[in-house]
Amino acid sequence: MHAVVIPAQFNDKSAARSELDGLVSRISNMPGFIAGYWVAMPGDRGTAMIVFDSEDAAQRYVVSVRSGPPFYSMNLGNV
């Protein structure tokens, strides 16, 4: 198994919460997806850990995040 860990900084925590269901749905349908964990931390920070069954599947996810549209309510750190 391989995981992608993504630090996040929220511009609007309430908007991020409302977008989470759609985000989880899209990610959980990706090939190789095993599990995802999203954690809101104090202040405007958070972390996501997405677990895949192979390094190849994790790398495909990273490519999709880097090439996709920006999130409206959070800025992702290095993926």
PDB file of N, CA and C in Angstrom:
ATOM      1  N   MET A   1       0.841  -1.185   0.000  1.00  0.00           N
ATOM      2  CA  MET A   1       0.000   0.000   0.000  1.00  0.00           C
ATOM      3  C   MET A   1       0.878   1.237   0.000  1.00  0.00           C
ATOM      4  N   HIS A   2       0.324   2.312  -0.571  1.00  0.00           N
ATOM      5  CA  HIS A   2       1.018   3.596  -0.636  1.00  0.00           C
ATOM      6  C   HIS A   2       0.021   4.696  -0.305  1.00  0.00           C
ATOM      7  N   ALA A   3       0.508   5.711   0.388  1.00  0.00           N
ATOM      8  CA  ALA A   3      -0.360   6.816   0.788  1.00  0.00           C
ATOM      9  C   ALA A   3       0.159   8.130   0.230  1.00  0.00           C
ATOM     10  N   VAL A   4      -0.781   9.016  -0.042  1.00  0.00           N
ATOM     11  CA  VAL A   4      -0.466  10.389  -0.424  1.00  0.00           C
ATOM     12  C   VAL A   4      -0.942  11.252   0.738  1.00  0.00           C
ATOM     13  N   VAL A   5      -0.029  12.018   1.316  1.00  0.00           N
ATOM     14  CA  VAL A   5      -0.359  12.891   2.445  1.00  0.00           C
ATOM     15  C   VAL A   5      -0.345  14.324   1.938  1.00  0.00           C
ATOM     16  N   ILE A   6      -1.447  15.026   2.178  1.00  0.00           N
ATOM     17  CA  ILE A   6      -1.611  16.376   1.636  1.00  0.00           C
ATOM     18  C   ILE A   6      -1.911  17.347   2.772  1.00  0.00           C
ATOM     19  N   PRO A   7      -1.000  18.286   3.027  1.00  0.00           N
ATOM     20  CA  PRO A   7      -1.331  19.345   3.988  1.00  0.00           C
ATOM     21  C   PRO A   7      -2.265  20.342   3.311  1.00  0.00           C
ATOM     22  N   ALA A   8      -3.155  20.923   4.077  1.00  0.00           N
ATOM     23  CA  ALA A   8      -4.090  21.897   3.508  1.00  0.00           C
ATOM     24  C   ALA A   8      -4.187  23.107   4.419  1.00  0.00           C
ATOM     25  N   GLN A   9      -4.414  24.234   3.817  1.00  0.00           N
ATOM     26  CA  GLN A   9      -4.702  25.450   4.563  1.00  0.00           C
ATOM     27  C   GLN A   9      -6.049  25.941   4.071  1.00  0.00           C
ATOM     28  N   PHE A  10      -7.005  26.054   4.985  1.00  0.00           N
ATOM     29  CA  PHE A  10      -8.369  26.415   4.623  1.00  0.00           C
ATOM     30  C   PHE A  10      -8.537  27.924   4.549  1.00  0.00           C
ATOM     31  N   ASN A  11      -9.146  28.364   3.478  1.00  0.00           N
ATOM     32  CA  ASN A  11      -9.547  29.763   3.380  1.00  0.00           C
ATOM     33  C   ASN A  11     -10.919  29.950   4.008  1.00  0.00           C
ATOM     34  N   ASP A  12     -11.743  28.896   3.953  1.00  0.00           N
ATOM     35  CA  ASP A  12     -13.103  28.943   4.481  1.00  0.00           C
ATOM     36  C   ASP A  12     -13.463  27.526   4.942  1.00  0.00           C
ATOM     37  N   LYS A  13     -13.339  27.245   6.243  1.00  0.00           N
ATOM     38  CA  LYS A  13     -13.571  25.892   6.764  1.00  0.00           C
ATOM     39  C   LYS A  13     -14.987  25.405   6.490  1.00  0.00           C
ATOM     40  N   SER A  14     -15.955  26.274   6.595  1.00  0.00           N
ATOM     41  CA  SER A  14     -17.336  25.875   6.367  1.00  0.00           C
ATOM     42  C   SER A  14     -17.547  25.449   4.908  1.00  0.00           C
ATOM     43  N   ALA A  15     -16.973  26.176   3.973  1.00  0.00           N
ATOM     44  CA  ALA A  15     -17.080  25.799   2.558  1.00  0.00           C
ATOM     45  C   ALA A  15     -16.346  24.492   2.305  1.00  0.00           C
ATOM     46  N   ALA A  16     -15.204  24.297   2.944  1.00  0.00           N
ATOM     47  CA  ALA A  16     -14.445  23.055   2.775  1.00  0.00           C
ATOM     48  C   ALA A  16     -15.257  21.860   3.269  1.00  0.00           C
ATOM     49  N   ARG A  17     -15.935  22.010   4.396  1.00  0.00           N
ATOM     50  CA  ARG A  17     -16.775  20.917   4.913  1.00  0.00           C
ATOM     51  C   ARG A  17     -17.882  20.576   3.929  1.00  0.00           C
ATOM     52  N   SER A  18     -18.500  21.588   3.334  1.00  0.00           N
ATOM     53  CA  SER A  18     -19.593  21.325   2.396  1.00  0.00           C
ATOM     54  C   SER A  18     -19.095  20.681   1.107  1.00  0.00           C
ATOM     55  N   GLU A  19     -17.844  20.885   0.753  1.00  0.00           N
ATOM     56  CA  GLU A  19     -17.279  20.287  -0.459  1.00  0.00           C
ATOM     57  C   GLU A  19     -16.726  18.879  -0.211  1.00  0.00           C
ATOM     58  N   LEU A  20     -16.579  18.485   1.050  1.00  0.00           N
ATOM     59  CA  LEU A  20     -15.915  17.238   1.381  1.00  0.00           C
ATOM     60  C   LEU A  20     -16.636  16.009   0.817  1.00  0.00           C
ATOM     61  N   ASP A  21     -17.960  15.964   0.881  1.00  0.00           N
ATOM     62  CA  ASP A  21     -18.682  14.797   0.367  1.00  0.00           C
ATOM     63  C   ASP A  21     -18.392  14.555  -1.112  1.00  0.00           C
ATOM     64  N   GLY A  22     -18.406  15.609  -1.909  1.00  0.00           N
ATOM     65  CA  GLY A  22     -18.107  15.470  -3.332  1.00  0.00           C
ATOM     66  C   GLY A  22     -16.671  15.038  -3.566  1.00  0.00           C
ATOM     67  N   LEU A  23     -15.760  15.583  -2.777  1.00  0.00           N
ATOM     68  CA  LEU A  23     -14.350  15.225  -2.890  1.00  0.00           C
ATOM     69  C   LEU A  23     -14.137  13.753  -2.536  1.00  0.00           C
ATOM     70  N   VAL A  24     -14.739  13.304  -1.450  1.00  0.00           N
ATOM     71  CA  VAL A  24     -14.614  11.913  -1.025  1.00  0.00           C
ATOM     72  C   VAL A  24     -15.194  10.990  -2.099  1.00  0.00           C
ATOM     73  N   SER A  25     -16.318  11.359  -2.661  1.00  0.00           N
ATOM     74  CA  SER A  25     -16.937  10.540  -3.700  1.00  0.00           C
ATOM     75  C   SER A  25     -16.028  10.396  -4.914  1.00  0.00           C
ATOM     76  N   ARG A  26     -15.424  11.491  -5.361  1.00  0.00           N
ATOM     77  CA  ARG A  26     -14.527  11.433  -6.530  1.00  0.00           C
ATOM     78  C   ARG A  26     -13.287  10.599  -6.235  1.00  0.00           C
ATOM     79  N   ILE A  27     -12.680  10.810  -5.087  1.00  0.00           N
ATOM     80  CA  ILE A  27     -11.446  10.095  -4.756  1.00  0.00           C
ATOM     81  C   ILE A  27     -11.723   8.609  -4.538  1.00  0.00           C
ATOM     82  N   SER A  28     -12.810   8.283  -3.856  1.00  0.00           N
ATOM     83  CA  SER A  28     -13.081   6.878  -3.543  1.00  0.00           C
ATOM     84  C   SER A  28     -13.399   6.050  -4.784  1.00  0.00           C
ATOM     85  N   ASN A  29     -13.720   6.691  -5.882  1.00  0.00           N
ATOM     86  CA  ASN A  29     -13.981   5.976  -7.129  1.00  0.00           C
ATOM     87  C   ASN A  29     -12.736   5.822  -7.991  1.00  0.00           C
ATOM     88  N   MET A  30     -11.609   6.325  -7.541  1.00  0.00           N
ATOM     89  CA  MET A  30     -10.376   6.215  -8.318  1.00  0.00           C
ATOM     90  C   MET A  30      -9.828   4.789  -8.238  1.00  0.00           C
ATOM     91  N   PRO A  31      -9.220   4.316  -9.336  1.00  0.00           N
ATOM     92  CA  PRO A  31      -8.634   2.975  -9.316  1.00  0.00           C
ATOM     93  C   PRO A  31      -7.570   2.847  -8.225  1.00  0.00           C
ATOM     94  N   GLY A  32      -7.640   1.762  -7.479  1.00  0.00           N
ATOM     95  CA  GLY A  32      -6.650   1.491  -6.452  1.00  0.00           C
ATOM     96  C   GLY A  32      -6.938   2.107  -5.096  1.00  0.00           C
ATOM     97  N   PHE A  33      -8.004   2.903  -4.982  1.00  0.00           N
ATOM     98  CA  PHE A  33      -8.326   3.551  -3.708  1.00  0.00           C
ATOM     99  C   PHE A  33      -8.640   2.499  -2.650  1.00  0.00           C
ATOM    100  N   ILE A  34      -8.069   2.684  -1.454  1.00  0.00           N
ATOM    101  CA  ILE A  34      -8.367   1.799  -0.324  1.00  0.00           C
ATOM    102  C   ILE A  34      -9.079   2.562   0.783  1.00  0.00           C
ATOM    103  N   ALA A  35      -8.522   3.721   1.188  1.00  0.00           N
ATOM    104  CA  ALA A  35      -9.105   4.486   2.291  1.00  0.00           C
ATOM    105  C   ALA A  35      -8.653   5.931   2.218  1.00  0.00           C
ATOM    106  N   GLY A  36      -9.415   6.803   2.848  1.00  0.00           N
ATOM    107  CA  GLY A  36      -9.040   8.212   2.920  1.00  0.00           C
ATOM    108  C   GLY A  36      -9.362   8.760   4.292  1.00  0.00           C
ATOM    109  N   TYR A  37      -8.479   9.607   4.782  1.00  0.00           N
ATOM    110  CA  TYR A  37      -8.647  10.220   6.097  1.00  0.00           C
ATOM    111  C   TYR A  37      -8.426  11.716   5.962  1.00  0.00           C
ATOM    112  N   TRP A  38      -9.383  12.495   6.409  1.00  0.00           N
ATOM    113  CA  TRP A  38      -9.287  13.954   6.360  1.00  0.00           C
ATOM    114  C   TRP A  38      -9.398  14.473   7.785  1.00  0.00           C
ATOM    115  N   VAL A  39      -8.420  15.291   8.183  1.00  0.00           N
ATOM    116  CA  VAL A  39      -8.366  15.772   9.560  1.00  0.00           C
ATOM    117  C   VAL A  39      -8.299  17.294   9.558  1.00  0.00           C
ATOM    118  N   ALA A  40      -9.228  17.935  10.270  1.00  0.00           N
ATOM    119  CA  ALA A  40      -9.165  19.375  10.483  1.00  0.00           C
ATOM    120  C   ALA A  40      -8.349  19.596  11.745  1.00  0.00           C
ATOM    121  N   MET A  41      -7.368  20.473  11.644  1.00  0.00           N
ATOM    122  CA  MET A  41      -6.500  20.770  12.778  1.00  0.00           C
ATOM    123  C   MET A  41      -6.834  22.161  13.301  1.00  0.00           C
ATOM    124  N   PRO A  42      -6.269  22.545  14.431  1.00  0.00           N
ATOM    125  CA  PRO A  42      -6.564  23.880  14.963  1.00  0.00           C
ATOM    126  C   PRO A  42      -6.247  24.980  13.950  1.00  0.00           C
ATOM    127  N   GLY A  43      -6.999  26.039  14.045  1.00  0.00           N
ATOM    128  CA  GLY A  43      -6.771  27.175  13.148  1.00  0.00           C
ATOM    129  C   GLY A  43      -7.276  26.868  11.751  1.00  0.00           C
ATOM    130  N   ASP A  44      -6.479  27.193  10.770  1.00  0.00           N
ATOM    131  CA  ASP A  44      -6.904  27.057   9.378  1.00  0.00           C
ATOM    132  C   ASP A  44      -6.173  25.926   8.665  1.00  0.00           C
ATOM    133  N   ARG A  45      -5.716  24.932   9.425  1.00  0.00           N
ATOM    134  CA  ARG A  45      -4.924  23.853   8.830  1.00  0.00           C
ATOM    135  C   ARG A  45      -5.675  22.524   8.840  1.00  0.00           C
ATOM    136  N   GLY A  46      -5.222  21.627   7.980  1.00  0.00           N
ATOM    137  CA  GLY A  46      -5.765  20.282   7.933  1.00  0.00           C
ATOM    138  C   GLY A  46      -4.802  19.374   7.194  1.00  0.00           C
ATOM    139  N   THR A  47      -5.107  18.100   7.191  1.00  0.00           N
ATOM    140  CA  THR A  47      -4.280  17.112   6.505  1.00  0.00           C
ATOM    141  C   THR A  47      -5.194  16.035   5.942  1.00  0.00           C
ATOM    142  N   ALA A  48      -4.839  15.553   4.769  1.00  0.00           N
ATOM    143  CA  ALA A  48      -5.538  14.414   4.182  1.00  0.00           C
ATOM    144  C   ALA A  48      -4.517  13.316   3.938  1.00  0.00           C
ATOM    145  N   MET A  49      -4.928  12.067   4.169  1.00  0.00           N
ATOM    146  CA  MET A  49      -4.085  10.927   3.824  1.00  0.00           C
ATOM    147  C   MET A  49      -4.956   9.979   3.006  1.00  0.00           C
ATOM    148  N   ILE A  50      -4.570   9.787   1.751  1.00  0.00           N
ATOM    149  CA  ILE A  50      -5.308   8.932   0.833  1.00  0.00           C
ATOM    150  C   ILE A  50      -4.458   7.683   0.599  1.00  0.00           C
ATOM    151  N   VAL A  51      -5.030   6.502   0.852  1.00  0.00           N
ATOM    152  CA  VAL A  51      -4.296   5.249   0.750  1.00  0.00           C
ATOM    153  C   VAL A  51      -4.726   4.504  -0.511  1.00  0.00           C
ATOM    154  N   PHE A  52      -3.721   4.040  -1.266  1.00  0.00           N
ATOM    155  CA  PHE A  52      -3.954   3.300  -2.509  1.00  0.00           C
ATOM    156  C   PHE A  52      -3.285   1.940  -2.426  1.00  0.00           C
ATOM    157  N   ASP A  53      -3.721   1.019  -3.287  1.00  0.00           N
ATOM    158  CA  ASP A  53      -3.181  -0.341  -3.263  1.00  0.00           C
ATOM    159  C   ASP A  53      -1.817  -0.478  -3.920  1.00  0.00           C
ATOM    160  N   SER A  54      -1.364   0.549  -4.643  1.00  0.00           N
ATOM    161  CA  SER A  54      -0.064   0.462  -5.317  1.00  0.00           C
ATOM    162  C   SER A  54       0.548   1.849  -5.459  1.00  0.00           C
ATOM    163  N   GLU A  55       1.838   1.880  -5.680  1.00  0.00           N
ATOM    164  CA  GLU A  55       2.517   3.150  -5.918  1.00  0.00           C
ATOM    165  C   GLU A  55       2.007   3.795  -7.195  1.00  0.00           C
ATOM    166  N   ASP A  56       1.742   2.980  -8.221  1.00  0.00           N
ATOM    167  CA  ASP A  56       1.240   3.496  -9.487  1.00  0.00           C
ATOM    168  C   ASP A  56      -0.095   4.224  -9.303  1.00  0.00           C
ATOM    169  N   ALA A  57      -1.010   3.637  -8.541  1.00  0.00           N
ATOM    170  CA  ALA A  57      -2.305   4.269  -8.287  1.00  0.00           C
ATOM    171  C   ALA A  57      -2.126   5.575  -7.512  1.00  0.00           C
ATOM    172  N   ALA A  58      -1.226   5.587  -6.532  1.00  0.00           N
ATOM    173  CA  ALA A  58      -0.964   6.812  -5.763  1.00  0.00           C
ATOM    174  C   ALA A  58      -0.385   7.895  -6.663  1.00  0.00           C
ATOM    175  N   GLN A  59       0.529   7.520  -7.550  1.00  0.00           N
ATOM    176  CA  GLN A  59       1.122   8.492  -8.476  1.00  0.00           C
ATOM    177  C   GLN A  59       0.079   9.048  -9.442  1.00  0.00           C
ATOM    178  N   ARG A  60      -0.846   8.199  -9.910  1.00  0.00           N
ATOM    179  CA  ARG A  60      -1.918   8.689 -10.796  1.00  0.00           C
ATOM    180  C   ARG A  60      -2.771   9.727 -10.073  1.00  0.00           C
ATOM    181  N   TYR A  61      -3.024   9.493  -8.782  1.00  0.00           N
ATOM    182  CA  TYR A  61      -3.790  10.468  -8.007  1.00  0.00           C
ATOM    183  C   TYR A  61      -3.036  11.794  -7.897  1.00  0.00           C
ATOM    184  N   VAL A  62      -1.739  11.723  -7.607  1.00  0.00           N
ATOM    185  CA  VAL A  62      -0.923  12.938  -7.501  1.00  0.00           C
ATOM    186  C   VAL A  62      -0.970  13.719  -8.811  1.00  0.00           C
ATOM    187  N   VAL A  63      -0.835  13.036  -9.932  1.00  0.00           N
ATOM    188  CA  VAL A  63      -0.894  13.702 -11.239  1.00  0.00           C
ATOM    189  C   VAL A  63      -2.257  14.362 -11.430  1.00  0.00           C
ATOM    190  N   SER A  64      -3.328  13.690 -11.036  1.00  0.00           N
ATOM    191  CA  SER A  64      -4.665  14.264 -11.205  1.00  0.00           C
ATOM    192  C   SER A  64      -4.861  15.506 -10.341  1.00  0.00           C
ATOM    193  N   VAL A  65      -4.297  15.506  -9.124  1.00  0.00           N
ATOM    194  CA  VAL A  65      -4.417  16.676  -8.239  1.00  0.00           C
ATOM    195  C   VAL A  65      -3.638  17.849  -8.817  1.00  0.00           C
ATOM    196  N   ARG A  66      -2.432  17.579  -9.291  1.00  0.00           N
ATOM    197  CA  ARG A  66      -1.587  18.658  -9.828  1.00  0.00           C
ATOM    198  C   ARG A  66      -2.147  19.250 -11.112  1.00  0.00           C
ATOM    199  N   SER A  67      -2.835  18.441 -11.919  1.00  0.00           N
ATOM    200  CA  SER A  67      -3.319  18.935 -13.206  1.00  0.00           C
ATOM    201  C   SER A  67      -4.775  19.399 -13.152  1.00  0.00           C
ATOM    202  N   GLY A  68      -5.452  19.155 -12.037  1.00  0.00           N
ATOM    203  CA  GLY A  68      -6.862  19.516 -11.927  1.00  0.00           C
ATOM    204  C   GLY A  68      -7.064  20.958 -11.531  1.00  0.00           C
ATOM    205  N   PRO A  69      -8.340  21.363 -11.491  1.00  0.00           N
ATOM    206  CA  PRO A  69      -8.650  22.738 -11.075  1.00  0.00           C
ATOM    207  C   PRO A  69      -8.336  22.928  -9.599  1.00  0.00           C
ATOM    208  N   PRO A  70      -8.018  24.145  -9.187  1.00  0.00           N
ATOM    209  CA  PRO A  70      -7.719  24.396  -7.771  1.00  0.00           C
ATOM    210  C   PRO A  70      -8.975  24.231  -6.920  1.00  0.00           C
ATOM    211  N   PHE A  71      -8.777  23.839  -5.667  1.00  0.00           N
ATOM    212  CA  PHE A  71      -9.899  23.760  -4.747  1.00  0.00           C
ATOM    213  C   PHE A  71     -10.326  25.182  -4.393  1.00  0.00           C
ATOM    214  N   TYR A  72     -11.631  25.375  -4.235  1.00  0.00           N
ATOM    215  CA  TYR A  72     -12.142  26.708  -3.958  1.00  0.00           C
ATOM    216  C   TYR A  72     -11.882  27.151  -2.534  1.00  0.00           C
ATOM    217  N   SER A  73     -11.911  26.222  -1.578  1.00  0.00           N
ATOM    218  CA  SER A  73     -11.857  26.652  -0.182  1.00  0.00           C
ATOM    219  C   SER A  73     -10.582  26.242   0.534  1.00  0.00           C
ATOM    220  N   MET A  74      -9.633  25.644  -0.168  1.00  0.00           N
ATOM    221  CA  MET A  74      -8.388  25.309   0.511  1.00  0.00           C
ATOM    222  C   MET A  74      -7.223  25.375  -0.466  1.00  0.00           C
ATOM    223  N   ASN A  75      -6.078  25.673   0.069  1.00  0.00           N
ATOM    224  CA  ASN A  75      -4.853  25.669  -0.712  1.00  0.00           C
ATOM    225  C   ASN A  75      -4.078  24.429  -0.308  1.00  0.00           C
ATOM    226  N   LEU A  76      -3.750  23.571  -1.285  1.00  0.00           N
ATOM    227  CA  LEU A  76      -3.026  22.354  -0.975  1.00  0.00           C
ATOM    228  C   LEU A  76      -1.551  22.645  -0.925  1.00  0.00           C
ATOM    229  N   GLY A  77      -0.876  22.027   0.004  1.00  0.00           N
ATOM    230  CA  GLY A  77       0.581  22.135   0.070  1.00  0.00           C
ATOM    231  C   GLY A  77       1.210  21.240  -0.989  1.00  0.00           C
ATOM    232  N   ASN A  78       2.432  20.859  -0.796  1.00  0.00           N
ATOM    233  CA  ASN A  78       3.117  19.996  -1.751  1.00  0.00           C
ATOM    234  C   ASN A  78       2.479  18.617  -1.748  1.00  0.00           C
ATOM    235  N   VAL A  79       2.159  18.145  -2.938  1.00  0.00           N
ATOM    236  CA  VAL A  79       1.559  16.813  -3.083  1.00  0.00           C
ATOM    237  C   VAL A  79       2.620  15.900  -3.635  1.00  0.00           C
TER     238      VAL A  79
END
